[in-house]
Amino acid sequence: MSNITHTITTNLWFDTQAEEAAEFYTSVFKDSKMDRISRYGKVGQEIHGKPDS
């Protein structure tokens, strides 16, 4: 019988503390990693009422 490896790709969306949450999840799940972080541009921050970071 052959071994089958499964990969799960998850995308998380948080209004606040997103990076902290992602760091927590990667510490909990073995062999997990953060591949990419996207942030609002200036226009997106204004539209969504988020302060500059």
N, C-alpha and C. Protein backbone atom coordinates (compact mmCIF):
# COMPACT_ATOMS: atom_id res chain seq x y z
N MET A 1 0.85 -1.17 0.00
CA MET A 1 0.00 0.00 0.00
C MET A 1 0.90 1.24 0.00
N SER A 2 0.51 2.26 -0.78
CA SER A 2 1.31 3.48 -0.85
C SER A 2 0.86 4.49 0.20
N ASN A 3 1.80 5.31 0.60
CA ASN A 3 1.47 6.38 1.55
C ASN A 3 1.00 7.60 0.78
N ILE A 4 -0.07 8.20 1.24
CA ILE A 4 -0.60 9.40 0.62
C ILE A 4 -0.37 10.57 1.57
N THR A 5 0.22 11.63 1.05
CA THR A 5 0.45 12.83 1.84
C THR A 5 -0.57 13.88 1.43
N HIS A 6 -1.20 14.49 2.40
CA HIS A 6 -2.18 15.54 2.13
C HIS A 6 -1.61 16.88 2.56
N THR A 7 -1.90 17.88 1.78
CA THR A 7 -1.50 19.24 2.11
C THR A 7 -2.75 20.09 2.28
N ILE A 8 -2.76 20.87 3.33
CA ILE A 8 -3.88 21.78 3.58
C ILE A 8 -3.36 23.20 3.41
N THR A 9 -4.03 23.96 2.56
CA THR A 9 -3.69 25.37 2.39
C THR A 9 -4.84 26.19 2.97
N THR A 10 -4.53 26.98 3.97
CA THR A 10 -5.55 27.75 4.67
C THR A 10 -5.29 29.23 4.47
N ASN A 11 -6.35 29.97 4.28
CA ASN A 11 -6.26 31.43 4.21
C ASN A 11 -7.08 31.98 5.36
N LEU A 12 -6.45 32.82 6.17
CA LEU A 12 -7.12 33.40 7.33
C LEU A 12 -7.31 34.89 7.12
N TRP A 13 -8.43 35.41 7.59
CA TRP A 13 -8.70 36.85 7.51
C TRP A 13 -9.08 37.33 8.90
N PHE A 14 -8.38 38.33 9.38
CA PHE A 14 -8.66 38.93 10.68
C PHE A 14 -8.71 40.44 10.50
N ASP A 15 -9.61 41.11 11.20
CA ASP A 15 -9.64 42.57 11.17
C ASP A 15 -8.54 43.17 12.03
N THR A 16 -8.17 42.48 13.10
CA THR A 16 -7.11 42.96 13.98
C THR A 16 -6.26 41.78 14.43
N GLN A 17 -5.05 42.03 14.82
CA GLN A 17 -4.12 41.04 15.37
C GLN A 17 -3.92 39.82 14.46
N ALA A 18 -3.95 40.04 13.15
CA ALA A 18 -3.82 38.94 12.20
C ALA A 18 -2.45 38.26 12.28
N GLU A 19 -1.41 39.06 12.32
CA GLU A 19 -0.07 38.48 12.34
C GLU A 19 0.16 37.67 13.62
N GLU A 20 -0.33 38.17 14.74
CA GLU A 20 -0.20 37.44 16.00
C GLU A 20 -0.96 36.12 15.93
N ALA A 21 -2.15 36.13 15.35
CA ALA A 21 -2.93 34.90 15.21
C ALA A 21 -2.22 33.90 14.31
N ALA A 22 -1.68 34.37 13.20
CA ALA A 22 -0.97 33.47 12.29
C ALA A 22 0.26 32.87 12.97
N GLU A 23 0.98 33.66 13.74
CA GLU A 23 2.13 33.14 14.48
C GLU A 23 1.69 32.08 15.48
N PHE A 24 0.56 32.29 16.13
CA PHE A 24 0.04 31.29 17.07
C PHE A 24 -0.26 29.98 16.34
N TYR A 25 -1.01 30.06 15.23
CA TYR A 25 -1.38 28.85 14.50
C TYR A 25 -0.16 28.11 13.96
N THR A 26 0.85 28.84 13.49
CA THR A 26 2.04 28.15 13.00
C THR A 26 2.84 27.52 14.13
N SER A 27 2.68 28.02 15.35
CA SER A 27 3.36 27.39 16.49
C SER A 27 2.64 26.12 16.95
N VAL A 28 1.34 26.03 16.65
CA VAL A 28 0.53 24.90 17.09
C VAL A 28 0.64 23.71 16.13
N PHE A 29 0.65 24.00 14.84
CA PHE A 29 0.63 22.93 13.83
C PHE A 29 2.03 22.66 13.30
N LYS A 30 2.48 21.41 13.47
CA LYS A 30 3.81 20.98 13.05
C LYS A 30 3.98 21.22 11.55
N ASP A 31 5.16 21.65 11.16
CA ASP A 31 5.54 21.89 9.76
C ASP A 31 4.68 22.94 9.07
N SER A 32 4.04 23.82 9.84
CA SER A 32 3.26 24.89 9.21
C SER A 32 4.16 26.11 9.02
N LYS A 33 3.73 27.00 8.14
CA LYS A 33 4.51 28.20 7.88
C LYS A 33 3.61 29.31 7.36
N MET A 34 4.09 30.54 7.50
CA MET A 34 3.43 31.68 6.87
C MET A 34 4.13 31.90 5.54
N ASP A 35 3.37 31.82 4.47
CA ASP A 35 3.95 31.95 3.14
C ASP A 35 3.97 33.40 2.68
N ARG A 36 2.90 34.12 3.01
CA ARG A 36 2.78 35.48 2.51
C ARG A 36 1.87 36.28 3.43
N ILE A 37 2.19 37.56 3.61
CA ILE A 37 1.36 38.46 4.40
C ILE A 37 0.96 39.62 3.50
N SER A 38 -0.32 39.90 3.41
CA SER A 38 -0.83 41.03 2.62
C SER A 38 -1.41 42.06 3.58
N ARG A 39 -1.11 43.31 3.30
CA ARG A 39 -1.63 44.39 4.14
C ARG A 39 -2.37 45.40 3.26
N TYR A 40 -3.30 46.14 3.89
CA TYR A 40 -4.00 47.21 3.19
C TYR A 40 -2.99 48.25 2.70
N GLY A 41 -3.23 48.77 1.52
CA GLY A 41 -2.52 49.96 1.07
C GLY A 41 -3.20 51.17 1.70
N LYS A 42 -2.70 52.37 1.43
CA LYS A 42 -3.27 53.57 2.04
C LYS A 42 -4.75 53.73 1.70
N VAL A 43 -5.13 53.50 0.44
CA VAL A 43 -6.53 53.63 0.03
C VAL A 43 -7.39 52.61 0.76
N GLY A 44 -6.93 51.37 0.88
CA GLY A 44 -7.68 50.34 1.59
C GLY A 44 -7.86 50.68 3.06
N GLN A 45 -6.84 51.27 3.66
CA GLN A 45 -6.95 51.67 5.06
C GLN A 45 -8.02 52.73 5.24
N GLU A 46 -8.07 53.68 4.30
CA GLU A 46 -9.09 54.73 4.38
C GLU A 46 -10.49 54.17 4.16
N ILE A 47 -10.65 53.31 3.18
CA ILE A 47 -11.96 52.73 2.87
C ILE A 47 -12.50 51.93 4.05
N HIS A 48 -11.62 51.16 4.69
CA HIS A 48 -12.05 50.27 5.77
C HIS A 48 -11.89 50.89 7.16
N GLY A 49 -11.47 52.14 7.22
CA GLY A 49 -11.36 52.83 8.50
C GLY A 49 -10.28 52.27 9.41
N LYS A 50 -9.20 51.76 8.82
CA LYS A 50 -8.10 51.21 9.61
C LYS A 50 -6.97 52.22 9.67
N PRO A 51 -6.32 52.35 10.80
CA PRO A 51 -5.22 53.32 10.92
C PRO A 51 -4.00 52.87 10.11
N ASP A 52 -3.15 53.81 9.75
CA ASP A 52 -1.89 53.46 9.09
C ASP A 52 -1.09 52.56 10.00
N SER A 53 -0.42 51.57 9.39
CA SER A 53 0.42 50.68 10.21
C SER A 53 1.87 50.89 9.92
